[in-house]
Amino acid sequence: MTAVTRPWSAPRRALVALVVLVALALTACGGGGSSGGGADADAGATGTWKDMAVAPIAGRTPAARAWTGKELVVWGGGFCKANPCQFDNVEPLADGAAYDPATDSWRKVAPAPLAARTGSVSEWTGKEVLVWGGTVGTSQSFADGAAYNPATDTWRPLAPSPLSGRGASSVWTGRELVVWGGRDIVSGLYLDDGAAYDPATDRWRMLPPAGLSARSMRDGMAWTGKEVVLWGGGTSNEAFDDGAAYDPATDKWRPLPKSPIAGRFSHATWTDKEVLFWGGEDWSQVFADGAAYDPAANTWRSLPEGPLSARIVDAQVWTGQEMVVWSGTPGTFNNYFADGAAYVPATNTWKPIARWSGRFGSIALWTGKEMLVWGGIVPTGTAGGQTAIKSVADGRRFVP
């Protein structure tokens, strides 16, 4: 394992703090620009955008979210109330709503038995939306959770977890919610343990040691149908280039082979054959390259160069045929992207997609027909010598 350690400036530290906050939900080839990015398409760009109905809740990020097969469920998260928009300047929220694309309508969800928070993990089980953990500013890390049933619009508390409070990362395996790593924002400690929650029995079990150093994974975890694959991640000044795969059937971990790309915080996207990692950062630079890991062959391959510039906090979804990457930021408060592209593994090629208003930290989920994008953060200028940022509550639907 190699850690990439770099010094970073005070302005960079402010953005990093926000990126960590956003990612724990958890991110220009002409794509950069202002908030007026619009829906204009580049030459040859594919896909179309259309507006979503106005939501009955405030803009927020990072929020718990899940696609249930019928609705996009959003709960919690934080609303920017001051500059800079980070930690104690983010108002934690405890309300939520559900969006039905078939009727283009929202509904408020019932109150949850949880305190307001940001950065909770969330997964859909086929019956319930599981929500666990999260933080409030720099003052509190949560170790509790709840399950929301959209059919009955009711919540139930989860059994007490054996894990300490944190902002963490998670996947749903088809049977269990697997939570691993993360950071206790109060103590500042990064963590290297994990646990699995079975909603059928309302019980938790600890995972064996992964053989990895303590870290935050952000979005760098994926479920392959057999294993939980995690790669990269890091701490407040390190980015790692190692990873591991966990098999719940044997309750064992195995190390991943060395990747062809540098260690980083990156998004993991499962394609039904490979886990794709693209973009991300290692604290010293932001990347525009990527790699694909094949768990069956236990091998890596590099992705071809794409039409997008380096970025973080972008939206990434798998459509069944393509990995769609959209928006994000190059690593500064005052610049963000309105462009995107789709990577097609079958042909090992990229293609540009139509633009929409640039932002970062948006909720993005695939419904089986379209990508729903809602919320996020947009820079609005400067105030008191600092970049002004606001949470937005609008959204759009992208059809490739």
Protein backbone atom coordinates (compact mmCIF):
# COMPACT_ATOMS: atom_id res chain seq x y z
CA MET A 1 0.00 0.00 0.00
CA THR A 2 1.27 3.45 -0.90
CA ALA A 3 -0.09 6.65 0.60
CA VAL A 4 0.15 9.89 -1.39
CA THR A 5 0.84 12.67 1.12
CA ARG A 6 0.82 16.32 0.04
CA PRO A 7 0.70 19.73 1.78
CA TRP A 8 -2.44 21.76 1.19
CA SER A 9 -3.32 25.42 1.60
CA ALA A 10 -5.94 27.11 3.80
CA PRO A 11 -8.27 27.88 0.84
CA ARG A 12 -7.89 24.30 -0.33
CA ARG A 13 -8.60 23.12 3.24
CA ALA A 14 -11.96 24.91 3.20
CA LEU A 15 -13.05 23.18 0.01
CA VAL A 16 -11.70 19.85 1.22
CA ALA A 17 -13.83 20.16 4.35
CA LEU A 18 -16.91 20.74 2.21
CA VAL A 19 -16.02 17.90 -0.15
CA VAL A 20 -15.67 15.51 2.78
CA LEU A 21 -19.02 16.67 4.13
CA VAL A 22 -20.69 16.21 0.74
CA ALA A 23 -19.02 12.92 -0.12
CA LEU A 24 -19.89 11.19 3.11
CA ALA A 25 -23.40 10.71 1.97
CA LEU A 26 -21.09 10.05 0.49
CA THR A 27 -18.64 14.48 -6.52
CA ALA A 28 -14.08 21.06 -18.46
CA CYS A 29 -13.51 20.42 -21.80
CA GLY A 30 -15.79 23.37 -22.16
CA GLY A 31 -17.85 22.21 -19.22
CA GLY A 32 -16.77 24.77 -16.65
CA GLY A 33 -18.43 28.08 -16.22
CA SER A 34 -21.11 29.93 -14.36
CA SER A 35 -24.40 28.95 -12.82
CA GLY A 36 -26.03 29.86 -16.12
CA GLY A 37 -24.65 26.71 -17.74
CA GLY A 38 -28.05 26.02 -19.26
CA ALA A 39 -29.15 22.96 -21.18
CA ASP A 40 -27.28 23.69 -24.40
CA ALA A 41 -25.67 20.62 -25.89
CA ASP A 42 -22.14 20.36 -27.27
CA ALA A 43 -21.81 19.14 -30.85
CA GLY A 44 -22.54 15.43 -30.89
CA ALA A 45 -23.85 15.39 -27.32
CA THR A 46 -26.55 12.84 -26.53
CA GLY A 47 -29.52 12.73 -24.19
CA THR A 48 -32.11 15.24 -23.04
CA TRP A 49 -32.94 17.01 -19.77
CA LYS A 50 -36.35 18.01 -18.43
CA ASP A 51 -37.38 19.73 -15.22
CA MET A 52 -38.64 17.96 -12.11
CA ALA A 53 -41.58 19.34 -10.14
CA VAL A 54 -40.72 21.73 -7.31
CA ALA A 55 -39.83 19.87 -4.10
CA PRO A 56 -41.63 20.59 -0.80
CA ILE A 57 -38.34 20.56 1.13
CA ALA A 58 -35.32 22.84 1.28
CA GLY A 59 -32.21 22.22 -0.77
CA ARG A 60 -29.62 20.09 0.99
CA THR A 61 -26.52 17.95 0.76
CA PRO A 62 -25.29 15.43 1.69
CA ALA A 63 -28.65 13.73 2.33
CA ALA A 64 -29.76 10.14 2.72
CA ARG A 65 -31.30 9.01 -0.56
CA ALA A 66 -32.58 5.88 -2.30
CA TRP A 67 -34.47 4.79 -5.40
CA THR A 68 -37.24 2.40 -4.36
CA GLY A 69 -38.30 1.27 -7.81
CA LYS A 70 -41.09 3.85 -7.74
CA GLU A 71 -39.85 6.91 -5.85
CA LEU A 72 -36.74 8.87 -5.05
CA VAL A 73 -36.68 9.14 -1.26
CA VAL A 74 -34.63 11.98 0.28
CA TRP A 75 -34.12 12.49 4.02
CA GLY A 76 -31.92 14.65 6.23
CA GLY A 77 -28.85 16.41 4.93
CA GLY A 78 -27.72 19.96 5.49
CA PHE A 79 -28.72 23.41 4.21
CA CYS A 80 -26.04 26.08 3.71
CA LYS A 81 -26.78 28.95 6.10
CA ALA A 82 -23.53 30.92 6.00
CA ASN A 83 -20.16 31.24 4.29
CA PRO A 84 -18.18 29.07 4.04
CA CYS A 85 -20.74 26.31 3.61
CA GLN A 86 -19.13 23.65 5.79
CA PHE A 87 -19.44 21.93 9.17
CA ASP A 88 -21.08 24.32 11.68
CA ASN A 89 -22.26 26.62 8.89
CA VAL A 90 -24.52 23.85 7.60
CA GLU A 91 -27.94 23.56 9.21
CA PRO A 92 -28.76 19.84 9.74
CA LEU A 93 -32.23 18.76 8.64
CA ALA A 94 -34.60 16.04 9.83
CA ASP A 95 -37.34 16.12 7.22
CA GLY A 96 -37.70 14.36 3.90
CA ALA A 97 -39.74 13.86 0.77
CA ALA A 98 -40.36 11.33 -2.00
CA TYR A 99 -40.51 12.05 -5.75
CA ASP A 100 -42.55 9.93 -8.18
CA PRO A 101 -41.33 10.43 -11.78
CA ALA A 102 -44.44 8.70 -13.18
CA THR A 103 -46.60 11.59 -11.93
CA ASP A 104 -43.84 14.21 -11.65
CA SER A 105 -44.93 14.88 -8.08
CA TRP A 106 -43.45 15.03 -4.57
CA ARG A 107 -44.89 14.09 -1.20
CA LYS A 108 -43.57 14.76 2.31
CA VAL A 109 -42.49 11.66 4.23
CA ALA A 110 -43.49 10.96 7.82
CA PRO A 111 -41.20 12.29 10.58
CA ALA A 112 -38.28 9.98 11.34
CA PRO A 113 -37.25 8.85 14.85
CA LEU A 114 -33.80 10.36 14.22
CA ALA A 115 -32.20 13.67 15.09
CA ALA A 116 -31.30 16.06 12.28
CA ARG A 117 -27.99 15.16 10.63
CA THR A 118 -25.92 15.12 7.45
CA GLY A 119 -23.89 12.42 5.78
CA SER A 120 -25.89 9.34 6.79
CA VAL A 121 -25.46 6.14 4.80
CA SER A 122 -28.64 4.96 3.07
CA GLU A 123 -29.62 1.86 1.09
CA TRP A 124 -32.82 0.39 -0.37
CA THR A 125 -33.59 -3.20 0.66
CA GLY A 126 -36.55 -3.83 -1.63
CA LYS A 127 -38.92 -2.96 1.20
CA GLU A 128 -37.31 -0.25 3.33
CA VAL A 129 -34.84 2.62 3.08
CA LEU A 130 -32.17 2.01 5.71
CA VAL A 131 -30.55 5.14 7.19
CA TRP A 132 -27.63 4.95 9.62
CA GLY A 133 -24.96 7.19 11.16
CA GLY A 134 -24.11 10.72 10.12
CA THR A 135 -22.85 13.90 11.78
CA VAL A 136 -23.78 17.40 12.92
CA GLY A 137 -21.07 19.97 12.23
CA THR A 138 -18.01 19.14 14.28
CA SER A 139 -20.00 18.49 17.46
CA GLN A 140 -21.73 15.14 17.07
CA SER A 141 -21.36 11.76 15.34
CA PHE A 142 -24.33 9.38 15.32
CA ALA A 143 -24.38 5.60 15.71
CA ASP A 144 -28.15 5.11 15.44
CA GLY A 145 -30.40 4.49 12.48
CA ALA A 146 -33.93 3.87 11.24
CA ALA A 147 -35.80 2.14 8.41
CA TYR A 148 -38.44 3.88 6.30
CA ASN A 149 -41.23 1.88 4.61
CA PRO A 150 -42.65 3.94 1.71
CA ALA A 151 -45.64 1.61 1.29
CA THR A 152 -46.91 2.52 4.77
CA ASP A 153 -45.12 5.87 5.18
CA THR A 154 -43.74 4.70 8.53
CA TRP A 155 -40.37 4.47 10.23
CA ARG A 156 -38.92 2.00 12.72
CA PRO A 157 -35.68 2.34 14.70
CA LEU A 158 -32.79 0.00 13.94
CA ALA A 159 -31.29 -2.16 16.65
CA PRO A 160 -28.26 -0.55 18.36
CA SER A 161 -25.12 -0.83 16.24
CA PRO A 162 -21.80 -2.23 17.51
CA LEU A 163 -20.04 0.56 15.62
CA SER A 164 -19.15 3.95 17.03
CA GLY A 165 -20.76 7.08 15.63
CA ARG A 166 -19.37 8.26 12.29
CA GLY A 167 -19.90 9.35 8.74
CA ALA A 168 -19.21 6.14 6.80
CA SER A 169 -19.74 4.33 3.49
CA SER A 170 -22.12 1.47 2.73
CA VAL A 171 -23.56 -1.01 0.23
CA TRP A 172 -26.62 -3.27 0.18
CA THR A 173 -25.81 -6.92 -0.55
CA GLY A 174 -29.34 -8.17 -1.10
CA ARG A 175 -29.49 -9.35 2.49
CA GLU A 176 -27.46 -6.97 4.64
CA LEU A 177 -26.44 -3.34 4.93
CA VAL A 178 -22.63 -3.37 5.05
CA VAL A 179 -21.01 -0.32 6.67
CA TRP A 180 -17.24 0.16 6.73
CA GLY A 181 -14.64 2.76 7.68
CA GLY A 182 -15.37 6.46 7.91
CA ARG A 183 -14.57 9.20 10.38
CA ASP A 184 -15.75 10.32 13.79
CA ILE A 185 -15.99 14.05 13.16
CA VAL A 186 -15.85 14.87 16.91
CA SER A 187 -12.57 13.11 17.69
CA GLY A 188 -11.25 13.46 14.17
CA LEU A 189 -10.31 9.78 14.13
CA TYR A 190 -10.54 7.71 10.97
CA LEU A 191 -11.84 4.18 11.40
CA ASP A 192 -10.99 0.75 9.99
CA ASP A 193 -13.84 -1.42 11.26
CA GLY A 194 -17.22 -2.36 9.84
CA ALA A 195 -20.48 -4.15 10.53
CA ALA A 196 -23.43 -5.69 8.69
CA TYR A 197 -27.10 -5.16 9.52
CA ASP A 198 -29.80 -7.74 8.63
CA PRO A 199 -33.25 -6.07 8.48
CA ALA A 200 -34.98 -9.48 8.53
CA THR A 201 -33.69 -10.15 12.06
CA ASP A 202 -32.98 -6.55 13.12
CA ARG A 203 -29.48 -7.62 14.14
CA TRP A 204 -25.95 -6.43 13.52
CA ARG A 205 -22.73 -8.41 13.27
CA MET A 206 -19.14 -7.16 13.20
CA LEU A 207 -17.02 -7.73 10.12
CA PRO A 208 -13.54 -9.26 10.42
CA PRO A 209 -10.57 -6.90 9.94
CA ALA A 210 -10.14 -5.86 6.31
CA GLY A 211 -6.37 -5.56 6.43
CA LEU A 212 -6.60 -1.92 5.40
CA SER A 213 -5.56 1.19 7.28
CA ALA A 214 -8.24 3.46 8.76
CA ARG A 215 -9.83 5.72 6.15
CA SER A 216 -12.90 7.34 4.70
CA MET A 217 -14.09 5.66 1.50
CA ARG A 218 -16.56 8.36 0.42
CA ASP A 219 -18.23 6.66 -2.58
CA GLY A 220 -15.46 4.12 -3.19
CA MET A 221 -17.45 0.97 -2.30
CA ALA A 222 -19.48 -1.30 -4.60
CA TRP A 223 -21.42 -4.57 -4.37
CA THR A 224 -20.72 -7.03 -7.19
CA GLY A 225 -23.37 -9.60 -6.38
CA LYS A 226 -20.80 -11.68 -4.50
CA GLU A 227 -18.34 -9.31 -2.83
CA VAL A 228 -18.09 -5.84 -1.34
CA VAL A 229 -15.25 -4.17 -3.26
CA LEU A 230 -13.56 -1.10 -1.83
CA TRP A 231 -10.53 0.72 -3.20
CA GLY A 232 -8.71 3.95 -2.49
CA GLY A 233 -10.04 6.43 0.03
CA GLY A 234 -7.90 8.23 2.57
CA THR A 235 -7.62 10.55 5.54
CA SER A 236 -7.37 14.34 5.87
CA ASN A 237 -3.97 14.42 4.14
CA GLU A 238 -3.48 10.98 2.60
CA ALA A 239 -4.90 9.08 -0.36
CA PHE A 240 -4.48 5.31 -0.62
CA ASP A 241 -3.98 3.10 -3.67
CA ASP A 242 -4.89 -0.25 -2.13
CA GLY A 243 -8.18 -2.06 -1.65
CA ALA A 244 -9.91 -5.24 -0.55
CA ALA A 245 -12.95 -7.40 -1.32
CA TYR A 246 -15.26 -8.89 1.31
CA ASP A 247 -17.33 -12.05 0.75
CA PRO A 248 -20.29 -12.20 3.18
CA ALA A 249 -20.78 -15.92 2.45
CA THR A 250 -17.34 -16.79 3.86
CA ASP A 251 -16.97 -13.74 6.11
CA LYS A 252 -13.49 -13.18 4.67
CA TRP A 253 -11.56 -10.38 3.00
CA ARG A 254 -8.99 -10.64 0.21
CA PRO A 255 -6.60 -7.94 -1.00
CA LEU A 256 -6.99 -6.40 -4.44
CA PRO A 257 -4.08 -6.38 -6.90
CA LYS A 258 -2.31 -3.11 -7.59
CA SER A 259 -4.30 -0.61 -9.63
CA PRO A 260 -2.90 1.16 -12.73
CA ILE A 261 -4.09 4.54 -11.39
CA ALA A 262 -2.79 6.62 -8.50
CA GLY A 263 -4.41 6.39 -5.08
CA ARG A 264 -7.37 8.72 -4.59
CA PHE A 265 -10.86 9.32 -3.31
CA SER A 266 -13.02 8.12 -6.20
CA HIS A 267 -16.52 6.93 -7.04
CA ALA A 268 -17.06 3.16 -7.50
CA THR A 269 -19.58 2.11 -10.19
CA TRP A 270 -20.51 -1.57 -10.72
CA THR A 271 -21.34 -2.55 -14.31
CA ASP A 272 -22.35 -6.22 -13.74
CA LYS A 273 -18.83 -7.21 -14.77
CA GLU A 274 -16.39 -4.57 -13.55
CA VAL A 275 -16.07 -1.90 -10.89
CA LEU A 276 -15.28 1.42 -12.58
CA PHE A 277 -13.29 4.13 -10.81
CA TRP A 278 -13.02 7.52 -12.55
CA GLY A 279 -11.88 10.97 -11.49
CA GLY A 280 -11.39 11.93 -7.85
CA GLU A 281 -8.51 13.53 -5.97
CA ASP A 282 -5.48 12.73 -3.82
CA TRP A 283 -5.25 16.15 -2.02
CA SER A 284 -2.51 17.41 -4.37
CA GLN A 285 -4.39 17.09 -7.65
CA VAL A 286 -7.73 16.26 -9.22
CA PHE A 287 -7.85 13.44 -11.77
CA ALA A 288 -9.49 12.83 -15.15
CA ASP A 289 -8.36 9.23 -15.61
CA GLY A 290 -9.82 5.95 -14.43
CA ALA A 291 -9.57 2.17 -14.26
CA ALA A 292 -11.82 -0.89 -14.26
CA TYR A 293 -11.46 -3.81 -11.85
CA ASP A 294 -12.75 -7.27 -12.87
CA PRO A 295 -13.36 -9.31 -9.70
CA ALA A 296 -13.82 -12.59 -11.59
CA ALA A 297 -10.38 -12.30 -13.22
CA ASN A 298 -8.89 -10.28 -10.34
CA THR A 299 -7.37 -7.88 -12.87
CA TRP A 300 -7.38 -4.16 -13.65
CA ARG A 301 -7.40 -2.25 -16.93
CA SER A 302 -7.04 1.45 -17.62
CA LEU A 303 -9.99 3.40 -19.02
CA PRO A 304 -9.47 5.41 -22.22
CA GLU A 305 -9.12 9.17 -22.05
CA GLY A 306 -12.51 10.85 -21.93
CA PRO A 307 -13.87 14.25 -23.04
CA LEU A 308 -14.14 15.55 -19.46
CA SER A 309 -11.68 17.60 -17.45
CA ALA A 310 -10.58 16.53 -13.98
CA ARG A 311 -13.27 16.90 -11.31
CA ILE A 312 -14.60 15.84 -7.92
CA VAL A 313 -18.03 15.68 -6.27
CA ASP A 314 -19.58 14.79 -9.62
CA ALA A 315 -22.67 12.67 -10.23
CA GLN A 316 -22.09 9.12 -11.48
CA VAL A 317 -24.71 6.46 -12.28
CA TRP A 318 -24.80 3.15 -14.18
CA THR A 319 -27.62 2.83 -16.71
CA GLY A 320 -27.16 -0.84 -17.55
CA GLN A 321 -25.05 0.07 -20.58
CA GLU A 322 -23.17 3.26 -19.68
CA MET A 323 -21.54 5.04 -16.77
CA VAL A 324 -22.90 8.59 -16.87
CA VAL A 325 -20.63 11.25 -15.31
CA TRP A 326 -21.99 14.77 -14.90
CA SER A 327 -21.10 18.13 -13.32
CA GLY A 328 -18.79 18.47 -10.29
CA THR A 329 -16.03 20.93 -9.46
CA PRO A 330 -12.32 21.11 -10.37
CA GLY A 331 -11.51 21.60 -6.70
CA THR A 332 -12.41 25.25 -6.14
CA PHE A 333 -15.47 26.95 -4.68
CA ASN A 334 -15.89 29.39 -7.56
CA ASN A 335 -15.89 27.04 -10.53
CA TYR A 336 -18.11 24.12 -11.44
CA PHE A 337 -19.11 22.08 -14.45
CA ALA A 338 -22.30 21.85 -16.48
CA ASP A 339 -21.03 19.18 -18.86
CA GLY A 340 -20.93 15.41 -18.71
CA ALA A 341 -20.10 12.26 -20.63
CA ALA A 342 -21.01 8.59 -20.77
CA TYR A 343 -18.50 5.73 -20.79
CA VAL A 344 -19.58 2.62 -22.71
CA PRO A 345 -17.65 -0.50 -21.58
CA ALA A 346 -18.89 -2.58 -24.53
CA THR A 347 -17.00 -0.33 -26.97
CA ASN A 348 -14.48 1.12 -24.49
CA THR A 349 -15.43 4.62 -25.64
CA TRP A 350 -16.76 7.90 -24.23
CA LYS A 351 -19.44 10.20 -25.65
CA PRO A 352 -20.50 13.68 -24.47
CA ILE A 353 -23.97 14.23 -23.03
CA ALA A 354 -26.19 17.30 -23.06
CA ARG A 355 -25.42 20.03 -20.51
CA TRP A 356 -27.44 21.40 -17.66
CA SER A 357 -26.82 23.97 -14.91
CA GLY A 358 -23.50 23.23 -13.22
CA ARG A 359 -23.31 22.35 -9.51
CA PHE A 360 -21.74 19.83 -7.20
CA GLY A 361 -22.87 17.43 -4.48
CA SER A 362 -26.23 16.69 -6.16
CA ILE A 363 -28.25 13.56 -5.49
CA ALA A 364 -28.12 11.40 -8.64
CA LEU A 365 -29.88 8.03 -9.02
CA TRP A 366 -30.84 5.81 -11.96
CA THR A 367 -34.49 4.73 -12.16
CA GLY A 368 -34.12 2.16 -14.92
CA LYS A 369 -35.17 4.74 -17.51
CA GLU A 370 -33.57 8.03 -16.53
CA MET A 371 -31.13 9.71 -14.17
CA LEU A 372 -32.78 11.84 -11.51
CA VAL A 373 -30.62 14.76 -10.36
CA TRP A 374 -31.78 16.87 -7.42
CA GLY A 375 -30.30 19.45 -5.10
CA GLY A 376 -26.65 20.24 -4.64
CA ILE A 377 -24.56 23.35 -4.10
CA VAL A 378 -23.83 26.24 -6.44
CA PRO A 379 -21.35 29.13 -6.00
CA THR A 380 -23.08 32.52 -6.17
CA GLY A 381 -20.18 34.98 -6.04
CA THR A 382 -18.22 36.33 -3.12
CA ALA A 383 -19.13 37.65 0.34
CA GLY A 384 -16.72 39.02 2.90
CA GLY A 385 -13.76 37.85 0.86
CA GLN A 386 -15.07 34.30 0.66
CA THR A 387 -16.93 32.49 -2.07
CA ALA A 388 -20.67 32.50 -1.43
CA ILE A 389 -22.37 29.13 -1.83
CA LYS A 390 -26.00 28.14 -1.57
CA SER A 391 -28.00 24.93 -1.43
CA VAL A 392 -30.51 24.53 -4.26
CA ALA A 393 -33.76 22.54 -4.29
CA ASP A 394 -34.39 22.15 -7.99
CA GLY A 395 -33.86 19.06 -10.09
CA ARG A 396 -33.95 17.58 -13.56
CA ARG A 397 -34.37 14.23 -15.28
CA PHE A 398 -31.80 13.05 -17.83
CA VAL A 399 -32.72 10.49 -20.47
CA PRO A 400 -29.61 9.16 -22.31
